[in-house]
N, C-alpha and C. Protein backbone atom coordinates (compact mmCIF):
# COMPACT_ATOMS: atom_id res chain seq x y z
N UNK A 1 113.30 -89.51 -6.24
CA UNK A 1 113.20 -90.68 -7.30
C UNK A 1 112.91 -91.89 -6.75
N UNK A 2 113.29 -92.35 -5.39
CA UNK A 2 112.95 -93.76 -5.07
C UNK A 2 111.73 -93.68 -4.52
N UNK A 3 110.88 -92.75 -4.54
CA UNK A 3 109.48 -92.58 -4.18
C UNK A 3 108.45 -93.03 -5.25
N UNK A 4 109.33 -92.53 -6.23
CA UNK A 4 108.64 -93.03 -7.80
C UNK A 4 108.58 -94.25 -8.22
N UNK A 5 109.81 -94.92 -7.94
CA UNK A 5 110.12 -96.52 -8.12
C UNK A 5 109.25 -97.42 -7.09
N UNK A 6 108.91 -96.70 -5.96
CA UNK A 6 108.27 -97.28 -5.04
C UNK A 6 106.96 -97.72 -5.30
N UNK A 7 106.47 -96.28 -5.47
CA UNK A 7 105.16 -96.17 -5.87
C UNK A 7 104.56 -97.13 -7.22
N UNK A 8 105.53 -97.15 -8.16
CA UNK A 8 105.42 -97.97 -9.43
C UNK A 8 105.04 -99.27 -9.06
N UNK A 9 106.22 -99.59 -8.01
CA UNK A 9 106.52 -101.05 -7.74
C UNK A 9 105.12 -101.54 -6.87
N UNK A 10 104.54 -100.72 -6.40
CA UNK A 10 103.30 -101.11 -5.51
C UNK A 10 102.26 -101.23 -6.65
N UNK A 11 102.14 -100.36 -7.09
CA UNK A 11 100.97 -100.31 -8.07
C UNK A 11 101.29 -101.48 -9.40
N UNK A 12 102.45 -101.76 -9.86
CA UNK A 12 102.34 -103.12 -10.34
C UNK A 12 102.30 -104.24 -9.53
N UNK A 13 102.38 -104.62 -8.29
CA UNK A 13 102.25 -105.69 -7.39
C UNK A 13 100.55 -105.80 -7.16
N UNK A 14 100.12 -104.55 -7.13
CA UNK A 14 98.57 -104.57 -7.07
C UNK A 14 98.01 -105.20 -8.04
N UNK A 15 98.38 -104.93 -9.52
CA UNK A 15 97.81 -105.16 -10.37
C UNK A 15 97.90 -106.72 -10.69
N UNK A 16 99.19 -107.31 -10.51
CA UNK A 16 99.32 -108.88 -10.45
C UNK A 16 98.56 -109.57 -9.42
N UNK A 17 98.83 -108.94 -8.13
CA UNK A 17 97.50 -109.92 -7.61
C UNK A 17 96.52 -109.54 -7.74
N UNK A 18 95.96 -108.62 -8.33
CA UNK A 18 94.34 -108.58 -8.53
C UNK A 18 93.97 -109.33 -9.86
N UNK A 19 94.69 -109.39 -10.58
CA UNK A 19 94.21 -110.40 -11.70
C UNK A 19 93.87 -111.88 -11.65
N UNK A 20 94.57 -112.41 -10.62
CA UNK A 20 93.84 -113.65 -10.39
C UNK A 20 92.72 -113.95 -9.55
N UNK A 21 92.47 -112.51 -8.41
CA UNK A 21 91.39 -112.85 -8.04
C UNK A 21 90.39 -112.84 -8.69
N UNK A 22 90.49 -111.69 -9.81
CA UNK A 22 89.38 -111.45 -10.65
C UNK A 22 88.97 -112.52 -11.81
N UNK A 23 89.71 -113.10 -11.81
CA UNK A 23 89.92 -114.42 -12.82
C UNK A 23 88.90 -115.90 -11.85
N UNK A 24 89.34 -115.41 -10.83
CA UNK A 24 89.00 -116.75 -9.77
C UNK A 24 87.24 -116.38 -9.76
N UNK A 25 87.04 -114.91 -9.61
CA UNK A 25 85.35 -114.63 -9.42
C UNK A 25 84.64 -115.00 -10.83
N UNK A 26 85.38 -114.73 -11.76
CA UNK A 26 84.72 -115.40 -13.10
C UNK A 26 84.42 -116.47 -13.39
N UNK A 27 85.26 -117.45 -12.84
CA UNK A 27 85.56 -118.89 -13.01
C UNK A 27 84.16 -119.47 -12.00
N UNK A 28 84.30 -118.81 -11.00
CA UNK A 28 83.02 -119.00 -9.89
C UNK A 28 81.97 -118.79 -10.32
N UNK A 29 81.43 -117.69 -10.85
CA UNK A 29 80.18 -117.15 -11.69
C UNK A 29 79.97 -118.22 -12.65
N UNK A 30 81.00 -118.78 -13.35
CA UNK A 30 80.66 -120.02 -14.58
C UNK A 30 80.08 -121.15 -13.90
N UNK A 31 80.64 -121.31 -12.54
CA UNK A 31 80.17 -122.65 -12.32
C UNK A 31 78.83 -122.47 -11.05
N UNK A 32 78.72 -121.23 -10.74
CA UNK A 32 77.53 -120.93 -9.98
C UNK A 32 76.23 -121.87 -10.24
N UNK A 33 75.63 -122.38 -9.23
CA UNK A 33 74.45 -123.45 -9.36
C UNK A 33 73.35 -122.51 -8.99
N UNK A 34 71.88 -122.85 -9.59
CA UNK A 34 71.07 -122.38 -9.15
C UNK A 34 70.77 -121.76 -7.83
N UNK A 35 70.98 -122.84 -6.79
CA UNK A 35 70.80 -122.64 -5.32
C UNK A 35 71.58 -121.71 -4.85
N UNK A 36 72.89 -121.75 -5.39
CA UNK A 36 73.93 -120.73 -4.75
C UNK A 36 73.75 -119.25 -5.20
N UNK A 37 73.17 -119.49 -6.58
CA UNK A 37 72.42 -117.66 -7.03
C UNK A 37 71.29 -117.32 -6.20
N UNK A 38 70.37 -118.18 -5.71
CA UNK A 38 69.39 -117.81 -4.99
C UNK A 38 69.57 -117.51 -3.79
N UNK A 39 70.86 -117.89 -3.12
CA UNK A 39 71.21 -117.58 -1.90
C UNK A 39 71.78 -116.22 -1.70
N UNK A 40 72.01 -115.90 -3.10
CA UNK A 40 73.12 -114.59 -2.71
C UNK A 40 72.19 -113.39 -2.12
N UNK A 41 72.88 -112.47 -2.17
CA UNK A 41 72.23 -111.21 -1.60
C UNK A 41 72.06 -110.10 -2.98
N UNK A 42 71.32 -108.97 -2.58
CA UNK A 42 70.95 -108.51 -3.86
C UNK A 42 72.01 -108.05 -4.37
N UNK A 43 73.33 -107.34 -4.09
CA UNK A 43 74.37 -107.10 -4.52
C UNK A 43 75.19 -108.04 -5.31
N UNK A 44 75.05 -109.08 -4.47
CA UNK A 44 75.90 -110.64 -5.12
C UNK A 44 75.10 -111.12 -6.52
N UNK A 45 73.83 -110.99 -6.32
CA UNK A 45 72.85 -111.26 -7.11
C UNK A 45 72.93 -110.55 -8.63
N UNK A 46 73.39 -109.48 -8.33
CA UNK A 46 73.21 -108.40 -9.32
C UNK A 46 74.62 -108.36 -10.16
N UNK A 47 75.91 -108.73 -9.27
CA UNK A 47 76.97 -108.90 -9.81
C UNK A 47 77.13 -110.13 -10.62
N UNK A 48 76.71 -111.19 -9.96
CA UNK A 48 76.44 -112.58 -10.70
C UNK A 48 75.67 -112.50 -12.14
N UNK A 49 74.82 -111.67 -12.17
CA UNK A 49 73.66 -111.48 -13.15
C UNK A 49 74.70 -110.70 -14.26
N UNK A 50 75.41 -109.75 -13.98
CA UNK A 50 76.25 -108.77 -15.02
C UNK A 50 77.42 -109.70 -15.38
N UNK A 51 78.00 -110.40 -14.57
CA UNK A 51 79.18 -111.37 -15.22
C UNK A 51 78.39 -112.24 -16.06
N UNK A 52 77.31 -112.97 -15.76
CA UNK A 52 76.64 -113.57 -16.61
C UNK A 52 76.02 -113.34 -17.99
N UNK A 53 75.95 -112.13 -17.93
CA UNK A 53 75.38 -111.37 -19.21
C UNK A 53 76.53 -111.12 -19.84
N UNK A 54 77.80 -110.82 -19.50
CA UNK A 54 78.90 -110.73 -19.97
C UNK A 54 79.54 -111.70 -20.69
N UNK A 55 79.36 -113.03 -20.30
CA UNK A 55 79.76 -114.23 -20.81
C UNK A 55 79.70 -114.40 -22.12
N UNK A 56 80.54 -114.93 -22.79
CA UNK A 56 80.26 -115.29 -24.06
C UNK A 56 79.41 -116.50 -24.62
N UNK A 57 78.96 -117.11 -23.62
CA UNK A 57 78.16 -118.33 -23.42
C UNK A 57 76.41 -117.84 -23.50
N UNK A 58 76.77 -116.68 -23.04
CA UNK A 58 75.21 -116.24 -22.71
C UNK A 58 74.59 -115.72 -24.17
N UNK A 59 73.19 -116.02 -24.11
CA UNK A 59 72.59 -115.91 -25.43
C UNK A 59 72.42 -114.41 -25.49
N UNK A 60 71.95 -113.97 -26.85
CA UNK A 60 71.94 -112.55 -27.18
C UNK A 60 70.84 -112.03 -26.58
N UNK A 61 69.88 -112.81 -26.45
CA UNK A 61 68.76 -112.47 -25.77
C UNK A 61 68.62 -111.88 -24.40
N UNK A 62 69.77 -112.77 -23.72
CA UNK A 62 70.00 -112.53 -22.26
C UNK A 62 70.57 -110.97 -22.28
N UNK A 63 71.54 -111.02 -23.15
CA UNK A 63 72.46 -109.79 -23.23
C UNK A 63 71.60 -108.39 -23.40
N UNK A 64 70.49 -108.55 -24.00
CA UNK A 64 69.76 -107.32 -24.44
C UNK A 64 68.69 -107.08 -23.20
N UNK A 65 68.90 -107.75 -22.47
CA UNK A 65 67.88 -107.56 -21.06
C UNK A 65 68.47 -106.45 -20.10
N UNK A 66 67.83 -105.54 -19.66
CA UNK A 66 68.30 -105.19 -18.55
C UNK A 66 68.60 -105.93 -17.18
N UNK A 67 69.53 -105.45 -16.19
CA UNK A 67 69.95 -106.18 -15.10
C UNK A 67 68.90 -106.79 -14.63
N UNK A 68 67.90 -105.91 -14.24
CA UNK A 68 66.76 -106.49 -13.44
C UNK A 68 65.97 -107.49 -14.27
N UNK A 69 65.49 -107.26 -15.44
CA UNK A 69 64.94 -108.46 -15.93
C UNK A 69 65.70 -109.51 -16.04
N UNK A 70 67.19 -109.42 -16.44
CA UNK A 70 67.85 -110.63 -16.64
C UNK A 70 68.00 -111.48 -15.18
N UNK A 71 67.76 -110.50 -14.15
CA UNK A 71 68.15 -111.38 -12.97
C UNK A 71 66.61 -112.09 -12.69
N UNK A 72 65.68 -111.79 -12.90
CA UNK A 72 64.11 -112.04 -12.87
C UNK A 72 64.20 -113.35 -13.86
N UNK A 73 64.81 -113.52 -14.92
CA UNK A 73 64.55 -114.34 -16.04
C UNK A 73 65.68 -115.54 -15.38
N UNK A 74 66.67 -115.42 -14.85
CA UNK A 74 67.43 -116.34 -14.33
C UNK A 74 66.73 -116.86 -13.20
N UNK A 75 66.11 -116.19 -12.18
CA UNK A 75 65.24 -116.76 -11.06
C UNK A 75 64.54 -117.68 -11.82
N UNK A 76 63.51 -117.61 -12.81
CA UNK A 76 62.54 -118.12 -13.27
C UNK A 76 63.10 -119.25 -13.92
N UNK A 77 64.19 -119.16 -14.49
CA UNK A 77 65.04 -120.42 -15.26
C UNK A 77 65.35 -121.41 -14.06
N UNK A 78 65.73 -120.93 -12.82
CA UNK A 78 66.00 -121.83 -12.00
C UNK A 78 64.95 -122.65 -11.43
N UNK A 79 63.84 -122.12 -11.52
CA UNK A 79 62.95 -122.91 -10.63
C UNK A 79 62.86 -124.49 -10.77
N UNK A 80 62.97 -124.94 -9.74
CA UNK A 80 62.84 -126.53 -9.76
C UNK A 80 63.87 -127.39 -10.26
N UNK A 81 65.24 -126.30 -10.46
CA UNK A 81 66.27 -127.00 -10.65
C UNK A 81 67.16 -126.43 -9.70
N UNK A 82 67.51 -126.90 -8.54
CA UNK A 82 68.44 -126.05 -7.69
C UNK A 82 69.94 -126.55 -7.93
N UNK A 83 70.32 -127.67 -8.14
CA UNK A 83 71.47 -128.03 -8.29
C UNK A 83 72.11 -127.98 -9.72
N UNK A 84 71.16 -127.30 -10.63
CA UNK A 84 71.70 -127.45 -11.87
C UNK A 84 72.68 -126.06 -12.21
N UNK A 85 73.50 -126.09 -12.93
CA UNK A 85 74.41 -125.07 -13.25
C UNK A 85 73.48 -123.79 -13.89
N UNK A 86 73.79 -122.40 -13.29
CA UNK A 86 73.00 -121.61 -13.75
C UNK A 86 73.02 -121.18 -15.36
N UNK A 87 74.16 -121.54 -15.64
CA UNK A 87 74.26 -121.14 -17.22
C UNK A 87 73.42 -122.42 -17.90
N UNK A 88 73.63 -123.59 -17.54
CA UNK A 88 72.68 -124.27 -18.17
C UNK A 88 71.34 -124.39 -18.28
N UNK A 89 70.91 -124.06 -16.90
CA UNK A 89 69.48 -123.72 -16.41
C UNK A 89 68.88 -122.62 -17.73
N UNK A 90 69.94 -121.43 -17.68
CA UNK A 90 69.26 -120.40 -18.78
C UNK A 90 69.10 -121.08 -20.10
N UNK A 91 70.20 -121.79 -20.48
CA UNK A 91 70.11 -122.43 -21.93
C UNK A 91 68.83 -123.24 -22.42
N UNK A 92 68.41 -124.03 -21.01
CA UNK A 92 67.30 -125.02 -21.14
C UNK A 92 66.12 -124.32 -21.33
N UNK A 93 66.00 -123.19 -20.68
CA UNK A 93 64.52 -122.54 -20.75
C UNK A 93 64.61 -121.40 -22.02
N UNK A 94 65.68 -121.36 -22.68
CA UNK A 94 65.39 -120.30 -23.96
C UNK A 94 65.14 -120.96 -25.23
């Protein structure tokens, strides 16, 4: 019976500790600049693009795009604005 409790406790602890790290990742994505986005590797860029598409501030046009098309659009939106917030650059070009 104690193994059931310890397994439950370990699962609960993992869930509690994982929640702040997931929230931090989402917050960092919202503050991502164009320069930081362009410096990401392919996996990081895909993850950031997916997070941005899921953001309530993303326009409906962005949500309708495939991940690859959204990534290409974000890179184009960032042209010439390396210090601008990625979400702001996206909204300026829409």
